[in-house]
N, C-alpha and C. Protein backbone atom coordinates (compact mmCIF):
# COMPACT_ATOMS: atom_id res chain seq x y z
N MET A 1 -25.13 -24.33 -3.24
CA MET A 1 -24.29 -23.24 -3.68
C MET A 1 -23.19 -23.01 -2.64
N ASN A 2 -21.97 -22.90 -3.09
CA ASN A 2 -20.86 -22.56 -2.21
C ASN A 2 -20.63 -21.06 -2.24
N ILE A 3 -20.33 -20.50 -1.09
CA ILE A 3 -20.02 -19.08 -0.96
C ILE A 3 -18.64 -18.97 -0.34
N TYR A 4 -17.84 -18.04 -0.89
CA TYR A 4 -16.47 -17.86 -0.44
C TYR A 4 -16.21 -16.40 -0.12
N ALA A 5 -15.35 -16.15 0.83
CA ALA A 5 -14.77 -14.82 1.03
C ALA A 5 -13.55 -14.77 0.10
N VAL A 6 -13.44 -13.69 -0.65
CA VAL A 6 -12.30 -13.51 -1.56
C VAL A 6 -11.24 -12.77 -0.76
N ARG A 7 -10.16 -13.45 -0.46
CA ARG A 7 -9.13 -12.87 0.41
C ARG A 7 -7.78 -12.81 -0.30
N GLN A 8 -6.94 -11.97 0.22
CA GLN A 8 -5.62 -11.75 -0.34
C GLN A 8 -4.71 -12.93 -0.06
N ASP A 9 -4.01 -13.35 -1.09
CA ASP A 9 -2.97 -14.36 -0.91
C ASP A 9 -1.68 -13.59 -0.64
N ASN A 10 -1.60 -13.05 0.56
CA ASN A 10 -0.52 -12.10 0.88
C ASN A 10 0.81 -12.75 1.22
N TYR A 11 0.92 -14.00 1.00
CA TYR A 11 2.21 -14.63 1.26
C TYR A 11 3.14 -14.53 0.06
N GLN A 12 2.58 -14.24 -1.12
CA GLN A 12 3.39 -14.25 -2.33
C GLN A 12 3.35 -12.94 -3.12
N TYR A 13 2.35 -12.08 -2.86
CA TYR A 13 2.09 -10.97 -3.76
C TYR A 13 2.27 -9.61 -3.09
N ARG A 14 2.68 -8.66 -3.91
CA ARG A 14 2.92 -7.30 -3.43
C ARG A 14 1.62 -6.51 -3.37
N ASP A 15 1.57 -5.54 -2.48
CA ASP A 15 0.45 -4.62 -2.34
C ASP A 15 0.73 -3.35 -3.12
N ILE A 16 -0.35 -2.61 -3.42
CA ILE A 16 -0.17 -1.30 -4.04
C ILE A 16 -0.01 -0.24 -2.97
N ASP A 17 0.65 0.84 -3.34
CA ASP A 17 0.87 1.96 -2.44
C ASP A 17 -0.27 2.96 -2.60
N LEU A 18 -1.47 2.55 -2.18
CA LEU A 18 -2.65 3.39 -2.24
C LEU A 18 -3.54 3.01 -1.07
N HIS A 19 -3.92 4.01 -0.30
CA HIS A 19 -4.73 3.80 0.89
C HIS A 19 -5.98 4.67 0.80
N ILE A 20 -6.94 4.41 1.63
CA ILE A 20 -8.18 5.20 1.61
C ILE A 20 -7.88 6.68 1.82
N ASP A 21 -6.89 7.00 2.63
CA ASP A 21 -6.53 8.40 2.85
C ASP A 21 -6.15 9.10 1.55
N ASP A 22 -5.63 8.34 0.59
CA ASP A 22 -5.19 8.92 -0.67
C ASP A 22 -6.34 9.38 -1.56
N ILE A 23 -7.55 8.89 -1.31
CA ILE A 23 -8.67 9.24 -2.18
C ILE A 23 -9.72 10.13 -1.50
N ILE A 24 -9.56 10.41 -0.22
CA ILE A 24 -10.58 11.17 0.51
C ILE A 24 -10.84 12.53 -0.12
N ASP A 25 -9.81 13.21 -0.59
CA ASP A 25 -9.99 14.54 -1.18
C ASP A 25 -10.85 14.52 -2.44
N ALA A 26 -10.98 13.36 -3.07
CA ALA A 26 -11.79 13.26 -4.29
C ALA A 26 -13.28 13.23 -4.01
N PHE A 27 -13.67 12.89 -2.80
CA PHE A 27 -15.09 12.81 -2.47
C PHE A 27 -15.72 14.20 -2.48
N PRO A 28 -16.90 14.34 -3.05
CA PRO A 28 -17.60 15.63 -3.00
C PRO A 28 -17.91 16.02 -1.55
N GLU A 29 -18.12 17.31 -1.32
CA GLU A 29 -18.34 17.83 0.03
C GLU A 29 -19.57 17.25 0.71
N ARG A 30 -20.52 16.70 -0.07
CA ARG A 30 -21.75 16.17 0.54
C ARG A 30 -21.49 14.94 1.40
N TYR A 31 -20.31 14.33 1.27
CA TYR A 31 -19.97 13.15 2.06
C TYR A 31 -19.20 13.54 3.31
N THR A 32 -19.55 12.92 4.43
CA THR A 32 -18.82 13.14 5.67
C THR A 32 -17.52 12.35 5.63
N LEU A 33 -16.62 12.67 6.53
CA LEU A 33 -15.36 11.94 6.61
C LEU A 33 -15.63 10.46 6.90
N GLN A 34 -16.59 10.19 7.78
CA GLN A 34 -16.93 8.80 8.09
C GLN A 34 -17.42 8.06 6.85
N GLU A 35 -18.26 8.70 6.04
CA GLU A 35 -18.74 8.07 4.80
C GLU A 35 -17.59 7.81 3.84
N CYS A 36 -16.65 8.73 3.76
CA CYS A 36 -15.48 8.55 2.88
C CYS A 36 -14.63 7.38 3.35
N MET A 37 -14.37 7.34 4.64
CA MET A 37 -13.52 6.29 5.20
C MET A 37 -14.16 4.91 5.10
N LYS A 38 -15.50 4.87 5.14
CA LYS A 38 -16.24 3.61 5.11
C LYS A 38 -17.13 3.56 3.87
N PHE A 39 -16.59 3.96 2.72
CA PHE A 39 -17.38 4.03 1.50
C PHE A 39 -18.03 2.70 1.14
N SER A 40 -17.36 1.61 1.47
CA SER A 40 -17.92 0.30 1.15
C SER A 40 -19.14 0.01 2.01
N GLU A 41 -19.05 0.30 3.28
CA GLU A 41 -20.17 0.07 4.20
C GLU A 41 -21.37 0.95 3.84
N PHE A 42 -21.10 2.18 3.42
CA PHE A 42 -22.18 3.09 3.03
C PHE A 42 -22.62 2.86 1.58
N ASN A 43 -21.97 1.92 0.91
CA ASN A 43 -22.31 1.51 -0.46
C ASN A 43 -22.29 2.70 -1.43
N ILE A 44 -21.21 3.47 -1.38
CA ILE A 44 -21.07 4.67 -2.19
C ILE A 44 -20.44 4.34 -3.54
N ALA A 45 -21.13 4.68 -4.60
CA ALA A 45 -20.58 4.58 -5.95
C ALA A 45 -19.65 5.77 -6.16
N MET A 46 -18.47 5.53 -6.71
CA MET A 46 -17.47 6.60 -6.82
C MET A 46 -17.06 6.92 -8.25
N ALA A 47 -17.59 6.21 -9.23
CA ALA A 47 -17.14 6.40 -10.61
C ALA A 47 -17.30 7.84 -11.09
N ASP A 48 -18.34 8.53 -10.63
CA ASP A 48 -18.59 9.90 -11.09
C ASP A 48 -17.55 10.91 -10.62
N PHE A 49 -16.84 10.60 -9.54
CA PHE A 49 -15.85 11.56 -9.05
C PHE A 49 -14.46 10.95 -8.84
N TRP A 50 -14.27 9.71 -9.27
CA TRP A 50 -12.99 9.03 -9.09
C TRP A 50 -11.90 9.73 -9.90
N PRO A 51 -10.83 10.17 -9.26
CA PRO A 51 -9.73 10.80 -10.01
C PRO A 51 -8.79 9.72 -10.55
N LEU A 52 -8.32 9.89 -11.76
CA LEU A 52 -7.34 8.95 -12.28
C LEU A 52 -6.04 9.19 -11.52
N MET A 53 -5.62 8.21 -10.77
CA MET A 53 -4.43 8.33 -9.94
C MET A 53 -3.34 7.40 -10.45
N LYS A 54 -2.13 7.73 -10.07
CA LYS A 54 -0.99 6.88 -10.40
C LYS A 54 -0.35 6.43 -9.10
N THR A 55 0.06 5.18 -9.08
CA THR A 55 0.74 4.65 -7.91
C THR A 55 1.70 3.57 -8.37
N GLU A 56 2.22 2.82 -7.44
CA GLU A 56 3.14 1.72 -7.75
C GLU A 56 2.94 0.62 -6.73
N PHE A 57 3.55 -0.51 -7.00
CA PHE A 57 3.53 -1.59 -6.04
C PHE A 57 4.58 -1.34 -4.98
N LEU A 58 4.25 -1.67 -3.76
CA LEU A 58 5.21 -1.56 -2.68
C LEU A 58 6.32 -2.58 -2.91
N PRO A 59 7.51 -2.29 -2.43
CA PRO A 59 8.59 -3.26 -2.61
C PRO A 59 8.25 -4.60 -1.96
N GLY A 60 8.64 -5.65 -2.61
CA GLY A 60 8.42 -6.98 -2.07
C GLY A 60 9.66 -7.46 -1.34
N ASP A 61 9.59 -8.68 -0.90
CA ASP A 61 10.75 -9.32 -0.29
C ASP A 61 10.92 -10.68 -0.94
N GLU A 62 11.78 -11.51 -0.40
CA GLU A 62 12.03 -12.81 -1.02
C GLU A 62 10.81 -13.71 -1.01
N HIS A 63 9.82 -13.41 -0.15
CA HIS A 63 8.62 -14.24 -0.06
C HIS A 63 7.43 -13.64 -0.81
N SER A 64 7.44 -12.33 -1.01
CA SER A 64 6.29 -11.68 -1.64
C SER A 64 6.74 -10.68 -2.69
N ASN A 65 7.19 -11.18 -3.81
CA ASN A 65 7.71 -10.30 -4.85
C ASN A 65 6.88 -10.34 -6.13
N ALA A 66 5.88 -11.19 -6.20
CA ALA A 66 5.09 -11.33 -7.42
C ALA A 66 4.01 -10.24 -7.48
N ILE A 67 3.64 -9.88 -8.70
CA ILE A 67 2.57 -8.92 -8.94
C ILE A 67 1.27 -9.71 -9.11
N PRO A 68 0.22 -9.38 -8.34
CA PRO A 68 -1.03 -10.15 -8.44
C PRO A 68 -1.83 -9.78 -9.70
N ASP A 69 -2.60 -10.74 -10.19
CA ASP A 69 -3.55 -10.47 -11.26
C ASP A 69 -4.82 -9.86 -10.67
N ILE A 70 -5.20 -10.34 -9.49
CA ILE A 70 -6.41 -9.89 -8.81
C ILE A 70 -6.16 -10.03 -7.32
N THR A 71 -6.54 -9.00 -6.56
CA THR A 71 -6.31 -9.01 -5.12
C THR A 71 -7.23 -8.01 -4.44
N PRO A 72 -7.65 -8.28 -3.21
CA PRO A 72 -8.44 -7.27 -2.49
C PRO A 72 -7.62 -6.00 -2.28
N TRP A 73 -8.33 -4.87 -2.27
CA TRP A 73 -7.68 -3.59 -1.98
C TRP A 73 -8.17 -3.13 -0.61
N VAL A 74 -9.22 -2.35 -0.53
CA VAL A 74 -9.77 -1.87 0.74
C VAL A 74 -11.20 -2.39 0.86
N ASP A 75 -11.51 -3.00 1.99
CA ASP A 75 -12.85 -3.51 2.25
C ASP A 75 -13.34 -4.35 1.07
N ALA A 76 -14.57 -4.13 0.61
CA ALA A 76 -15.16 -4.98 -0.44
C ALA A 76 -14.81 -4.46 -1.83
N THR A 77 -13.50 -4.36 -2.10
CA THR A 77 -13.02 -3.97 -3.42
C THR A 77 -11.96 -4.97 -3.87
N LEU A 78 -11.76 -5.02 -5.16
CA LEU A 78 -10.72 -5.87 -5.74
C LEU A 78 -9.91 -5.07 -6.74
N LEU A 79 -8.61 -5.26 -6.73
CA LEU A 79 -7.73 -4.67 -7.73
C LEU A 79 -7.53 -5.69 -8.84
N LEU A 80 -7.76 -5.28 -10.09
CA LEU A 80 -7.60 -6.17 -11.23
C LEU A 80 -6.50 -5.65 -12.14
N SER A 81 -5.60 -6.53 -12.52
CA SER A 81 -4.58 -6.19 -13.50
C SER A 81 -5.26 -6.02 -14.86
N PRO A 82 -4.57 -5.46 -15.85
CA PRO A 82 -5.16 -5.38 -17.19
C PRO A 82 -5.61 -6.75 -17.70
N LYS A 83 -4.82 -7.78 -17.44
CA LYS A 83 -5.18 -9.14 -17.86
C LYS A 83 -6.46 -9.61 -17.17
N ALA A 84 -6.56 -9.44 -15.86
CA ALA A 84 -7.75 -9.86 -15.11
C ALA A 84 -8.98 -9.08 -15.57
N PHE A 85 -8.81 -7.80 -15.81
CA PHE A 85 -9.94 -6.98 -16.27
C PHE A 85 -10.41 -7.45 -17.64
N ARG A 86 -9.49 -7.77 -18.51
CA ARG A 86 -9.84 -8.26 -19.85
C ARG A 86 -10.66 -9.55 -19.76
N PHE A 87 -10.28 -10.45 -18.86
CA PHE A 87 -10.98 -11.73 -18.73
C PHE A 87 -12.25 -11.65 -17.89
N LEU A 88 -12.26 -10.80 -16.85
CA LEU A 88 -13.37 -10.81 -15.89
C LEU A 88 -14.26 -9.57 -15.91
N GLY A 89 -13.83 -8.51 -16.56
CA GLY A 89 -14.55 -7.24 -16.50
C GLY A 89 -16.02 -7.33 -16.85
N ASP A 90 -16.35 -7.94 -17.98
CA ASP A 90 -17.75 -8.05 -18.38
C ASP A 90 -18.55 -8.91 -17.41
N LEU A 91 -17.94 -9.94 -16.89
CA LEU A 91 -18.60 -10.83 -15.94
C LEU A 91 -18.91 -10.11 -14.62
N MET A 92 -18.02 -9.23 -14.17
CA MET A 92 -18.14 -8.56 -12.88
C MET A 92 -19.00 -7.30 -12.93
N LYS A 93 -19.10 -6.67 -14.07
CA LYS A 93 -19.72 -5.34 -14.20
C LYS A 93 -21.10 -5.21 -13.56
N PRO A 94 -22.01 -6.19 -13.67
CA PRO A 94 -23.34 -6.01 -13.08
C PRO A 94 -23.35 -5.88 -11.55
N TRP A 95 -22.27 -6.22 -10.88
CA TRP A 95 -22.26 -6.28 -9.42
C TRP A 95 -21.52 -5.12 -8.77
N GLY A 96 -21.06 -4.17 -9.58
CA GLY A 96 -20.34 -3.03 -9.03
C GLY A 96 -19.87 -2.11 -10.12
N GLU A 97 -18.81 -1.37 -9.83
CA GLU A 97 -18.26 -0.42 -10.79
C GLU A 97 -16.74 -0.56 -10.83
N PHE A 98 -16.15 -0.08 -11.92
CA PHE A 98 -14.71 -0.12 -12.09
C PHE A 98 -14.14 1.28 -12.02
N LEU A 99 -13.04 1.41 -11.28
CA LEU A 99 -12.36 2.67 -11.07
C LEU A 99 -10.92 2.53 -11.57
N PRO A 100 -10.55 3.26 -12.64
CA PRO A 100 -9.21 3.09 -13.21
C PRO A 100 -8.11 3.64 -12.31
N LEU A 101 -6.96 3.01 -12.41
CA LEU A 101 -5.80 3.37 -11.61
C LEU A 101 -4.55 3.00 -12.42
N VAL A 102 -3.65 3.93 -12.59
CA VAL A 102 -2.43 3.66 -13.35
C VAL A 102 -1.35 3.20 -12.37
N ILE A 103 -0.85 2.00 -12.62
CA ILE A 103 0.22 1.44 -11.79
C ILE A 103 1.38 1.09 -12.70
N GLU A 104 2.48 1.79 -12.45
CA GLU A 104 3.71 1.55 -13.20
C GLU A 104 3.44 1.54 -14.71
N GLY A 105 2.65 2.53 -15.16
CA GLY A 105 2.40 2.73 -16.58
C GLY A 105 1.28 1.91 -17.20
N GLU A 106 0.65 1.01 -16.43
CA GLU A 106 -0.44 0.19 -16.95
C GLU A 106 -1.74 0.55 -16.23
N THR A 107 -2.86 0.45 -16.94
CA THR A 107 -4.15 0.78 -16.35
C THR A 107 -4.76 -0.45 -15.69
N TYR A 108 -4.80 -0.40 -14.39
CA TYR A 108 -5.46 -1.41 -13.56
C TYR A 108 -6.87 -0.89 -13.26
N GLN A 109 -7.70 -1.72 -12.67
CA GLN A 109 -9.05 -1.32 -12.28
C GLN A 109 -9.30 -1.75 -10.84
N ILE A 110 -9.92 -0.86 -10.09
CA ILE A 110 -10.42 -1.24 -8.77
C ILE A 110 -11.90 -1.52 -8.95
N PHE A 111 -12.31 -2.72 -8.58
CA PHE A 111 -13.72 -3.08 -8.62
C PHE A 111 -14.34 -2.73 -7.28
N ASN A 112 -15.30 -1.82 -7.28
CA ASN A 112 -16.01 -1.40 -6.09
C ASN A 112 -17.34 -2.14 -6.08
N CYS A 113 -17.47 -3.14 -5.23
CA CYS A 113 -18.68 -3.95 -5.16
C CYS A 113 -19.82 -3.11 -4.60
N LEU A 114 -20.96 -3.10 -5.32
CA LEU A 114 -22.13 -2.33 -4.90
C LEU A 114 -23.35 -3.22 -4.65
N THR A 115 -23.13 -4.52 -4.55
CA THR A 115 -24.22 -5.47 -4.34
C THR A 115 -24.21 -5.94 -2.89
N LEU A 116 -25.30 -5.66 -2.19
CA LEU A 116 -25.44 -6.05 -0.78
C LEU A 116 -26.34 -7.28 -0.66
N VAL A 117 -25.96 -8.20 0.20
CA VAL A 117 -26.77 -9.38 0.50
C VAL A 117 -26.96 -9.41 2.01
N ASN A 118 -28.17 -9.67 2.43
CA ASN A 118 -28.48 -9.74 3.86
C ASN A 118 -27.82 -10.95 4.52
N THR A 119 -27.55 -10.78 5.79
CA THR A 119 -27.00 -11.86 6.61
C THR A 119 -28.11 -12.36 7.54
N LEU A 120 -28.14 -13.65 7.76
CA LEU A 120 -29.08 -14.21 8.73
C LEU A 120 -28.44 -14.00 10.11
N GLU A 121 -28.75 -12.86 10.72
CA GLU A 121 -28.05 -12.43 11.93
C GLU A 121 -28.24 -13.38 13.11
N GLU A 122 -29.38 -14.03 13.21
CA GLU A 122 -29.60 -14.94 14.33
C GLU A 122 -28.71 -16.17 14.23
N GLN A 123 -28.16 -16.44 13.05
CA GLN A 123 -27.27 -17.59 12.86
C GLN A 123 -25.80 -17.16 12.74
N SER A 124 -25.55 -15.87 12.76
CA SER A 124 -24.20 -15.35 12.55
C SER A 124 -23.62 -14.80 13.84
N GLU A 125 -22.30 -14.83 13.91
CA GLU A 125 -21.59 -14.28 15.06
C GLU A 125 -20.36 -13.55 14.56
N VAL A 126 -20.24 -12.27 14.90
CA VAL A 126 -19.15 -11.44 14.42
C VAL A 126 -17.80 -12.10 14.71
N GLY A 127 -16.96 -12.17 13.71
CA GLY A 127 -15.63 -12.73 13.85
C GLY A 127 -15.57 -14.24 13.90
N VAL A 128 -16.73 -14.91 13.87
CA VAL A 128 -16.75 -16.36 13.97
C VAL A 128 -17.43 -16.99 12.77
N ASN A 129 -18.67 -16.57 12.51
CA ASN A 129 -19.45 -17.23 11.47
C ASN A 129 -20.42 -16.24 10.85
N ILE A 130 -20.48 -16.22 9.54
CA ILE A 130 -21.45 -15.40 8.82
C ILE A 130 -22.30 -16.35 7.99
N VAL A 131 -23.61 -16.22 8.13
CA VAL A 131 -24.54 -17.01 7.33
C VAL A 131 -25.29 -16.03 6.44
N LEU A 132 -25.04 -16.11 5.15
CA LEU A 132 -25.68 -15.21 4.19
C LEU A 132 -27.02 -15.77 3.75
N ASP A 133 -27.95 -14.91 3.44
CA ASP A 133 -29.27 -15.29 2.97
C ASP A 133 -29.14 -15.74 1.51
N GLU A 134 -28.97 -17.05 1.30
CA GLU A 134 -28.73 -17.57 -0.04
C GLU A 134 -29.88 -17.27 -0.99
N GLY A 135 -31.10 -17.14 -0.47
CA GLY A 135 -32.24 -16.78 -1.31
C GLY A 135 -32.10 -15.40 -1.92
N ARG A 136 -31.36 -14.52 -1.25
CA ARG A 136 -31.14 -13.15 -1.74
C ARG A 136 -29.94 -13.04 -2.67
N ILE A 137 -29.08 -14.05 -2.66
CA ILE A 137 -27.90 -14.01 -3.53
C ILE A 137 -28.32 -14.13 -4.99
N GLY A 138 -29.26 -15.02 -5.26
CA GLY A 138 -29.77 -15.18 -6.62
C GLY A 138 -28.64 -15.41 -7.62
N GLU A 139 -28.60 -14.57 -8.63
CA GLU A 139 -27.59 -14.67 -9.69
C GLU A 139 -26.32 -13.87 -9.38
N SER A 140 -26.27 -13.24 -8.21
CA SER A 140 -25.12 -12.40 -7.88
C SER A 140 -23.83 -13.19 -7.93
N LEU A 141 -22.87 -12.62 -8.59
CA LEU A 141 -21.56 -13.23 -8.72
C LEU A 141 -20.65 -12.79 -7.57
N LEU A 142 -20.74 -11.50 -7.24
CA LEU A 142 -19.94 -10.88 -6.18
C LEU A 142 -20.87 -10.03 -5.33
N PHE A 143 -20.62 -10.00 -4.01
CA PHE A 143 -21.49 -9.25 -3.12
C PHE A 143 -20.77 -9.03 -1.80
N LYS A 144 -21.40 -8.20 -0.97
CA LYS A 144 -20.86 -7.90 0.35
C LYS A 144 -22.02 -7.90 1.33
N SER A 145 -21.69 -7.85 2.62
CA SER A 145 -22.71 -7.84 3.67
C SER A 145 -22.34 -6.78 4.70
N GLN A 146 -23.33 -6.07 5.19
CA GLN A 146 -23.07 -5.06 6.20
C GLN A 146 -22.86 -5.65 7.59
N PHE A 147 -23.03 -6.97 7.73
CA PHE A 147 -22.89 -7.60 9.04
C PHE A 147 -21.53 -7.33 9.67
N GLN A 148 -20.49 -7.39 8.88
CA GLN A 148 -19.15 -7.06 9.38
C GLN A 148 -18.62 -5.83 8.67
N SER A 149 -19.49 -4.84 8.51
CA SER A 149 -19.13 -3.53 7.95
C SER A 149 -18.57 -3.60 6.54
N CYS A 150 -19.00 -4.56 5.76
CA CYS A 150 -18.55 -4.71 4.36
C CYS A 150 -17.03 -4.80 4.25
N LEU A 151 -16.42 -5.51 5.16
CA LEU A 151 -14.97 -5.65 5.15
C LEU A 151 -14.48 -6.66 4.12
N ASP A 152 -15.35 -7.60 3.73
CA ASP A 152 -14.96 -8.63 2.77
C ASP A 152 -15.87 -8.59 1.56
N ILE A 153 -15.36 -9.13 0.48
CA ILE A 153 -16.16 -9.34 -0.71
C ILE A 153 -16.36 -10.85 -0.81
N TYR A 154 -17.57 -11.25 -1.15
CA TYR A 154 -17.92 -12.66 -1.23
C TYR A 154 -18.25 -13.02 -2.68
N CYS A 155 -18.14 -14.30 -2.98
CA CYS A 155 -18.44 -14.76 -4.33
C CYS A 155 -19.06 -16.15 -4.30
N THR A 156 -19.56 -16.55 -5.45
CA THR A 156 -20.10 -17.90 -5.62
C THR A 156 -19.09 -18.72 -6.42
N ASP A 157 -19.41 -19.99 -6.59
CA ASP A 157 -18.54 -20.89 -7.35
C ASP A 157 -18.24 -20.35 -8.75
N ARG A 158 -19.21 -19.68 -9.34
CA ARG A 158 -19.03 -19.19 -10.72
C ARG A 158 -17.83 -18.26 -10.83
N PHE A 159 -17.67 -17.35 -9.88
CA PHE A 159 -16.53 -16.44 -9.90
C PHE A 159 -15.24 -17.19 -9.60
N LYS A 160 -15.27 -18.05 -8.62
CA LYS A 160 -14.09 -18.85 -8.26
C LYS A 160 -13.61 -19.65 -9.47
N HIS A 161 -14.54 -20.25 -10.19
CA HIS A 161 -14.16 -21.04 -11.36
C HIS A 161 -13.60 -20.16 -12.47
N ALA A 162 -14.15 -18.97 -12.66
CA ALA A 162 -13.64 -18.05 -13.69
C ALA A 162 -12.21 -17.64 -13.38
N VAL A 163 -11.92 -17.32 -12.13
CA VAL A 163 -10.56 -16.95 -11.74
C VAL A 163 -9.61 -18.12 -12.01
N GLY A 164 -10.03 -19.33 -11.67
CA GLY A 164 -9.21 -20.52 -11.91
C GLY A 164 -9.04 -20.82 -13.38
N GLU A 165 -10.11 -20.69 -14.14
CA GLU A 165 -10.07 -20.99 -15.58
C GLU A 165 -9.07 -20.11 -16.31
N PHE A 166 -8.99 -18.84 -15.92
CA PHE A 166 -8.07 -17.91 -16.55
C PHE A 166 -6.70 -17.89 -15.86
N GLU A 167 -6.52 -18.75 -14.87
CA GLU A 167 -5.24 -18.89 -14.15
C GLU A 167 -4.76 -17.56 -13.57
N LEU A 168 -5.70 -16.83 -12.96
CA LEU A 168 -5.37 -15.56 -12.34
C LEU A 168 -4.89 -15.80 -10.92
N GLN A 169 -3.87 -15.07 -10.54
CA GLN A 169 -3.21 -15.26 -9.25
C GLN A 169 -3.39 -14.05 -8.35
N GLY A 170 -3.39 -14.28 -7.03
CA GLY A 170 -3.39 -13.20 -6.05
C GLY A 170 -4.47 -13.29 -5.01
N VAL A 171 -5.45 -14.19 -5.20
CA VAL A 171 -6.52 -14.34 -4.22
C VAL A 171 -6.64 -15.80 -3.80
N VAL A 172 -7.23 -15.98 -2.63
CA VAL A 172 -7.64 -17.31 -2.16
C VAL A 172 -9.12 -17.23 -1.85
N PHE A 173 -9.78 -18.36 -1.91
CA PHE A 173 -11.22 -18.43 -1.68
C PHE A 173 -11.44 -19.18 -0.37
N ASP A 174 -12.02 -18.48 0.59
CA ASP A 174 -12.13 -18.96 1.96
C ASP A 174 -13.58 -19.30 2.28
N ARG A 175 -13.84 -20.54 2.65
CA ARG A 175 -15.20 -20.98 3.00
C ARG A 175 -15.60 -20.51 4.40
N ARG A 176 -14.62 -20.19 5.23
CA ARG A 176 -14.93 -19.67 6.57
C ARG A 176 -15.13 -18.16 6.43
N LEU A 177 -16.37 -17.76 6.26
CA LEU A 177 -16.67 -16.38 5.89
C LEU A 177 -16.38 -15.36 6.97
N GLY A 178 -16.41 -15.75 8.22
CA GLY A 178 -16.25 -14.77 9.29
C GLY A 178 -14.99 -14.93 10.11
N SER A 179 -14.07 -15.76 9.67
CA SER A 179 -12.88 -16.01 10.47
C SER A 179 -11.64 -16.04 9.61
N PRO A 180 -10.46 -16.21 10.20
CA PRO A 180 -9.22 -16.17 9.43
C PRO A 180 -9.21 -17.13 8.25
N CYS A 181 -8.37 -16.80 7.32
CA CYS A 181 -8.34 -17.49 6.02
C CYS A 181 -8.01 -18.99 6.09
N GLN A 182 -8.80 -19.73 5.35
CA GLN A 182 -8.53 -21.15 5.12
C GLN A 182 -8.74 -21.39 3.63
N ARG A 183 -7.72 -21.79 2.91
CA ARG A 183 -7.79 -21.93 1.46
C ARG A 183 -8.63 -23.10 1.01
N TYR A 184 -9.31 -22.87 -0.14
CA TYR A 184 -10.07 -23.93 -0.81
C TYR A 184 -9.81 -23.90 -2.28
């Protein structure tokens, strides 16, 4: 089984103008500021209190002016265009939740991954190499690990192939799970 970090193809695609600070006020009072800021690491489901927000894409330049179909947002989340959600939504649903977001008049979805997989810590080194417990991945399509504070979302070949089959743009699949991006 191949495992990939799903990373932003930020050389060609625009980012959205939405940051974690923009959603902190939506969290119920029972959450601390640290839990809000690190919602992915604390594995917090947000669908029950997610406010429908509107935003836009940040201006691009001559190198990054395209709108992505799918791209990482914050930590172990992915932003899906209406097209990507139509093709991948049912496939992704068991591994997290979808949070609607209106961007330039269209409803996009933020996928908040809620599936944790253990890391074999004795074989892993922060910033260098992450070895995931493949026995725990099972049928998981998308998952995250607390080893590096749930900063990345990981996938198996099945998800990579689905993104390719539907010709969705905006992400690269990196086999080097704990280090800078290398495309595959």
